C-alpha atoms as a PDB file:
ATOM      1  CA  MET A   1      -0.003  -0.085   0.146  1.00  0.00           C
ATOM      2  CA  LEU A   2       2.800   2.597   1.003  1.00  0.00           C
ATOM      3  CA  VAL A   3       4.706   1.564  -2.162  1.00  0.00           C
ATOM      4  CA  ALA A   4       1.832   2.470  -4.321  1.00  0.00           C
ATOM      5  CA  ALA A   5       0.890   5.611  -2.394  1.00  0.00           C
ATOM      6  CA  VAL A   6       4.693   6.779  -2.922  1.00  0.00           C
ATOM      7  CA  GLY A   7       4.422   5.604  -6.674  1.00  0.00           C
ATOM      8  CA  LEU A   8       1.333   7.732  -7.212  1.00  0.00           C
ATOM      9  CA  LEU A   9       2.682  10.793  -5.461  1.00  0.00           C
ATOM     10  CA  HIS A  10       5.806  10.497  -7.586  1.00  0.00           C
ATOM     11  CA  GLY A  11       3.742  10.490 -10.891  1.00  0.00           C
ATOM     12  CA  MET A  12       1.555  13.255  -9.718  1.00  0.00           C
ATOM     13  CA  ALA A  13       4.818  15.314  -8.919  1.00  0.00           C
ATOM     14  CA  ALA A  14       6.140  14.332 -12.249  1.00  0.00           C
ATOM     15  CA  VAL A  15       2.855  15.523 -13.762  1.00  0.00           C
ATOM     16  CA  CYS A  16       3.040  18.866 -11.943  1.00  0.00           C
ATOM     17  CA  GLY A  17       6.665  19.483 -13.019  1.00  0.00           C
ATOM     18  CA  LEU A  18       7.927  19.220  -9.164  1.00  0.00           C
ATOM     19  CA  LEU A  19      11.345  17.789  -8.354  1.00  0.00           C
ATOM     20  CA  MET A  20      10.968  14.777  -6.073  1.00  0.00           C
ATOM     21  CA  VAL A  21      13.584  14.498  -3.240  1.00  0.00           C
ATOM     22  CA  PRO A  22      13.932  11.336  -1.398  1.00  0.00           C
ATOM     23  CA  LEU A  23      12.096  11.389   1.894  1.00  0.00           C
ATOM     24  CA  ALA A  24      14.517  10.953   5.176  1.00  0.00           C
ATOM     25  CA  VAL A  25      13.698  10.997   8.576  1.00  0.00           C
ATOM     26  CA  ALA A  26      15.809  14.131   9.900  1.00  0.00           C
ATOM     27  CA  ALA A  27      17.684  13.320  13.230  1.00  0.00           C
ATOM     28  CA  GLN A  28      16.709  15.436  15.981  1.00  0.00           C
ATOM     29  CA  PRO A  29      19.250  18.218  16.996  1.00  0.00           C
ATOM     30  CA  PRO A  30      20.763  17.709  20.415  1.00  0.00           C
ATOM     31  CA  THR A  31      18.994  19.268  23.239  1.00  0.00           C
ATOM     32  CA  MET A  32      20.229  22.284  25.142  1.00  0.00           C
ATOM     33  CA  ALA A  33      22.355  21.805  28.387  1.00  0.00           C
ATOM     34  CA  PRO A  34      21.043  23.164  31.451  1.00  0.00           C
ATOM     35  CA  LEU A  35      21.320  26.871  32.009  1.00  0.00           C
ATOM     36  CA  THR A  36      24.072  26.631  34.478  1.00  0.00           C
ATOM     37  CA  GLN A  37      26.283  24.667  32.325  1.00  0.00           C
ATOM     38  CA  ARG A  38      25.877  26.830  28.982  1.00  0.00           C
ATOM     39  CA  ALA A  39      28.619  29.024  27.852  1.00  0.00           C
ATOM     40  CA  ASP A  40      28.204  32.824  27.772  1.00  0.00           C
ATOM     41  CA  ARG A  41      31.192  33.561  25.742  1.00  0.00           C
ATOM     42  CA  ILE A  42      33.440  31.949  22.899  1.00  0.00           C
ATOM     43  CA  LEU A  43      37.093  32.693  22.119  1.00  0.00           C
ATOM     44  CA  VAL A  44      38.731  31.786  18.738  1.00  0.00           C
ATOM     45  CA  ASP A  45      42.295  31.922  18.497  1.00  0.00           C
ATOM     46  CA  LYS A  46      43.005  31.725  14.880  1.00  0.00           C
ATOM     47  CA  SER A  47      46.714  31.409  15.064  1.00  0.00           C
ATOM     48  CA  GLU A  48      46.469  28.512  17.627  1.00  0.00           C
ATOM     49  CA  ARG A  49      43.645  26.865  15.824  1.00  0.00           C
ATOM     50  CA  ARG A  50      41.754  26.985  19.085  1.00  0.00           C
ATOM     51  CA  MET A  51      38.019  27.471  20.344  1.00  0.00           C
ATOM     52  CA  GLN A  52      37.078  27.918  24.030  1.00  0.00           C
ATOM     53  CA  LEU A  53      33.702  28.091  25.388  1.00  0.00           C
ATOM     54  CA  LEU A  54      33.455  30.020  28.685  1.00  0.00           C
ATOM     55  CA  ARG A  55      30.979  30.716  31.336  1.00  0.00           C
ATOM     56  CA  GLU A  56      31.750  33.583  33.892  1.00  0.00           C
ATOM     57  CA  GLY A  57      35.205  33.665  32.745  1.00  0.00           C
ATOM     58  CA  LYS A  58      35.926  30.136  33.329  1.00  0.00           C
ATOM     59  CA  VAL A  59      36.918  27.653  30.367  1.00  0.00           C
ATOM     60  CA  LEU A  60      34.207  25.094  30.044  1.00  0.00           C
ATOM     61  CA  ARG A  61      35.774  23.178  26.882  1.00  0.00           C
ATOM     62  CA  THR A  62      38.544  23.756  24.528  1.00  0.00           C
ATOM     63  CA  TYR A  63      38.480  22.423  20.732  1.00  0.00           C
ATOM     64  CA  ARG A  64      41.066  22.243  17.916  1.00  0.00           C
ATOM     65  CA  VAL A  65      39.289  24.102  14.839  1.00  0.00           C
ATOM     66  CA  LEU A  66      39.896  24.398  11.343  1.00  0.00           C
ATOM     67  CA  LEU A  67      39.469  27.417   9.471  1.00  0.00           C
ATOM     68  CA  GLY A  68      39.148  29.062   5.898  1.00  0.00           C
ATOM     69  CA  ASP A  69      41.574  28.196   3.098  1.00  0.00           C
ATOM     70  CA  ALA A  70      43.341  31.534   3.647  1.00  0.00           C
ATOM     71  CA  PRO A  71      43.411  31.739   7.454  1.00  0.00           C
ATOM     72  CA  VAL A  72      45.844  34.786   7.985  1.00  0.00           C
ATOM     73  CA  GLY A  73      44.263  38.148   8.072  1.00  0.00           C
ATOM     74  CA  ARG A  74      40.841  39.285   8.515  1.00  0.00           C
ATOM     75  CA  LYS A  75      37.897  38.558   6.275  1.00  0.00           C
ATOM     76  CA  ARG A  76      37.695  41.613   3.773  1.00  0.00           C
ATOM     77  CA  GLN A  77      35.356  40.666   1.274  1.00  0.00           C
ATOM     78  CA  GLN A  78      33.019  37.733  -0.196  1.00  0.00           C
ATOM     79  CA  GLY A  79      34.933  34.880  -1.704  1.00  0.00           C
ATOM     80  CA  ASP A  80      38.639  35.539   0.103  1.00  0.00           C
ATOM     81  CA  GLU A  81      38.185  32.492   2.249  1.00  0.00           C
ATOM     82  CA  ARG A  82      39.347  34.199   5.174  1.00  0.00           C
ATOM     83  CA  THR A  83      37.688  33.708   8.851  1.00  0.00           C
ATOM     84  CA  PRO A  84      36.619  37.004  10.310  1.00  0.00           C
ATOM     85  CA  GLU A  85      38.283  38.595  13.345  1.00  0.00           C
ATOM     86  CA  GLY A  86      36.390  40.923  15.933  1.00  0.00           C
ATOM     87  CA  GLU A  87      33.376  40.715  18.143  1.00  0.00           C
ATOM     88  CA  TYR A  88      30.148  39.088  16.938  1.00  0.00           C
ATOM     89  CA  ARG A  89      27.314  37.065  18.382  1.00  0.00           C
ATOM     90  CA  ILE A  90      25.866  33.451  17.386  1.00  0.00           C
ATOM     91  CA  SER A  91      22.922  34.809  15.663  1.00  0.00           C
ATOM     92  CA  GLY A  92      21.162  31.730  14.733  1.00  0.00           C
ATOM     93  CA  ARG A  93      21.347  27.747  14.568  1.00  0.00           C
ATOM     94  CA  ASN A  94      20.826  25.506  11.583  1.00  0.00           C
ATOM     95  CA  PRO A  95      19.926  21.928  12.735  1.00  0.00           C
ATOM     96  CA  TYR A  96      19.850  20.746   8.948  1.00  0.00           C
ATOM     97  CA  SER A  97      22.966  22.082   7.882  1.00  0.00           C
ATOM     98  CA  ARG A  98      25.052  20.394   5.093  1.00  0.00           C
ATOM     99  CA  PHE A  99      27.739  20.292   7.592  1.00  0.00           C
ATOM    100  CA  HIS A 100      25.919  18.392  10.325  1.00  0.00           C
ATOM    101  CA  LEU A 101      24.823  21.369  12.593  1.00  0.00           C
ATOM    102  CA  SER A 102      25.875  24.868  12.341  1.00  0.00           C
ATOM    103  CA  LEU A 103      25.531  27.966  14.489  1.00  0.00           C
ATOM    104  CA  ARG A 104      25.853  31.507  12.595  1.00  0.00           C
ATOM    105  CA  VAL A 105      28.334  34.090  13.300  1.00  0.00           C
ATOM    106  CA  SER A 106      26.841  37.629  13.063  1.00  0.00           C
ATOM    107  CA  TYR A 107      29.576  38.559  10.390  1.00  0.00           C
ATOM    108  CA  PRO A 108      29.445  41.020   8.935  1.00  0.00           C
ATOM    109  CA  ASN A 109      29.126  43.710  11.774  1.00  0.00           C
ATOM    110  CA  ALA A 110      28.776  47.321  11.142  1.00  0.00           C
ATOM    111  CA  ASP A 111      32.578  47.813  11.048  1.00  0.00           C
ATOM    112  CA  ASP A 112      33.016  44.939   8.391  1.00  0.00           C
ATOM    113  CA  ARG A 113      30.305  46.427   6.199  1.00  0.00           C
ATOM    114  CA  ARG A 114      31.778  49.882   6.455  1.00  0.00           C
ATOM    115  CA  GLN A 115      35.161  48.896   5.489  1.00  0.00           C
ATOM    116  CA  ALA A 116      33.696  46.637   2.497  1.00  0.00           C
ATOM    117  CA  HIS A 117      31.748  49.663   1.316  1.00  0.00           C
ATOM    118  CA  ALA A 118      34.847  51.828   1.356  1.00  0.00           C
ATOM    119  CA  ARG A 119      36.541  49.412  -0.615  1.00  0.00           C
ATOM    120  CA  GLY A 120      33.487  48.908  -3.110  1.00  0.00           C
ATOM    121  CA  VAL A 121      33.310  45.076  -2.438  1.00  0.00           C
ATOM    122  CA  ASP A 122      30.715  42.856  -0.813  1.00  0.00           C
ATOM    123  CA  PRO A 123      31.679  41.732   2.652  1.00  0.00           C
ATOM    124  CA  GLY A 124      30.357  38.319   2.316  1.00  0.00           C
ATOM    125  CA  GLY A 125      28.462  36.277   4.803  1.00  0.00           C
ATOM    126  CA  ASP A 126      27.253  32.962   6.055  1.00  0.00           C
ATOM    127  CA  ILE A 127      30.046  32.404   8.513  1.00  0.00           C
ATOM    128  CA  MET A 128      29.185  29.482  10.740  1.00  0.00           C
ATOM    129  CA  ILE A 129      30.687  27.374  13.423  1.00  0.00           C
ATOM    130  CA  HIS A 130      29.833  24.015  11.966  1.00  0.00           C
ATOM    131  CA  GLY A 131      30.719  20.148  11.798  1.00  0.00           C
ATOM    132  CA  GLY A 132      31.842  18.107   9.210  1.00  0.00           C
ATOM    133  CA  ASN A 133      34.321  15.450   8.589  1.00  0.00           C
ATOM    134  CA  SER A 134      37.198  17.488   9.961  1.00  0.00           C
ATOM    135  CA  ALA A 135      39.103  14.411  11.003  1.00  0.00           C
ATOM    136  CA  LEU A 136      39.595  13.805   7.343  1.00  0.00           C
ATOM    137  CA  TYR A 137      41.078  17.029   6.797  1.00  0.00           C
ATOM    138  CA  PRO A 138      44.344  17.889   8.579  1.00  0.00           C
ATOM    139  CA  PHE A 139      44.219  21.296   7.058  1.00  0.00           C
ATOM    140  CA  ASP A 140      42.183  24.270   6.861  1.00  0.00           C
ATOM    141  CA  TRP A 141      39.321  23.738   4.238  1.00  0.00           C
ATOM    142  CA  THR A 142      36.345  25.971   4.807  1.00  0.00           C
ATOM    143  CA  ASP A 143      35.469  29.173   2.900  1.00  0.00           C
ATOM    144  CA  GLY A 144      35.963  31.115   6.156  1.00  0.00           C
ATOM    145  CA  CYS A 145      33.897  29.232   8.701  1.00  0.00           C
ATOM    146  CA  ILE A 146      35.220  27.518  11.806  1.00  0.00           C
ATOM    147  CA  ALA A 147      35.002  23.755  11.564  1.00  0.00           C
ATOM    148  CA  LEU A 148      34.834  20.968  14.161  1.00  0.00           C
ATOM    149  CA  THR A 149      34.149  17.473  14.070  1.00  0.00           C
ATOM    150  CA  ASN A 150      30.509  16.188  14.045  1.00  0.00           C
ATOM    151  CA  THR A 151      30.579  14.972  17.789  1.00  0.00           C
ATOM    152  CA  GLU A 152      32.399  18.475  18.913  1.00  0.00           C
ATOM    153  CA  ILE A 153      29.733  20.337  17.055  1.00  0.00           C
ATOM    154  CA  GLU A 154      26.856  18.364  18.764  1.00  0.00           C
ATOM    155  CA  GLU A 155      28.538  19.451  22.166  1.00  0.00           C
ATOM    156  CA  VAL A 156      28.780  22.977  21.147  1.00  0.00           C
ATOM    157  CA  TRP A 157      25.271  22.879  19.973  1.00  0.00           C
ATOM    158  CA  ARG A 158      24.059  21.775  23.468  1.00  0.00           C
ATOM    159  CA  LEU A 159      26.274  24.297  25.118  1.00  0.00           C
ATOM    160  CA  VAL A 160      25.857  27.557  23.180  1.00  0.00           C
ATOM    161  CA  PRO A 161      22.628  29.346  22.906  1.00  0.00           C
ATOM    162  CA  THR A 162      21.778  31.861  20.368  1.00  0.00           C
ATOM    163  CA  GLY A 163      23.203  35.324  21.276  1.00  0.00           C
ATOM    164  CA  THR A 164      26.393  34.133  22.919  1.00  0.00           C
ATOM    165  CA  ALA A 165      29.121  36.867  22.483  1.00  0.00           C
ATOM    166  CA  ILE A 166      32.017  35.221  20.207  1.00  0.00           C
ATOM    167  CA  ARG A 167      35.485  36.950  19.862  1.00  0.00           C
ATOM    168  CA  ILE A 168      37.577  35.745  16.874  1.00  0.00           C
ATOM    169  CA  ASP A 169      41.373  36.744  17.362  1.00  0.00           C
ATOM    170  CA  PRO A 170      44.230  36.513  14.842  1.00  0.00           C
END
């Protein structure tokens, strides 16, 4: 019965010109940790390839991270493959990221937009802290994001609420 129904739906979609995408059950994102265990700040040291989660000034967790293909220097424009530097916030969460899970970094901030505008370029965007098979890549591989292993991003997802401050240092 189910096979017939799926076949009928597929046929109807073809008639309507719709693209059929295989159905899959989406995994539930990890639940948030209790409030007293959540980070209130993230520090990223690009030169050390290190990200720390802090709560009230104390380090909760430390991770090795991978960065953009051109890790030295601050992000200046779309496509430069650099990871931004400066003060930002976690501005959103994507449980269906193509890189397992992702937390959006609020790049570009007003200063980044001003500098890009002065040079007549697009500052870019879509900077995330995300998972991926980072263990397979012993080198910086993102387009400017901060990459962790899938297991690590699951832990970060639980510990970092939207709105958390993040500082990215050279």
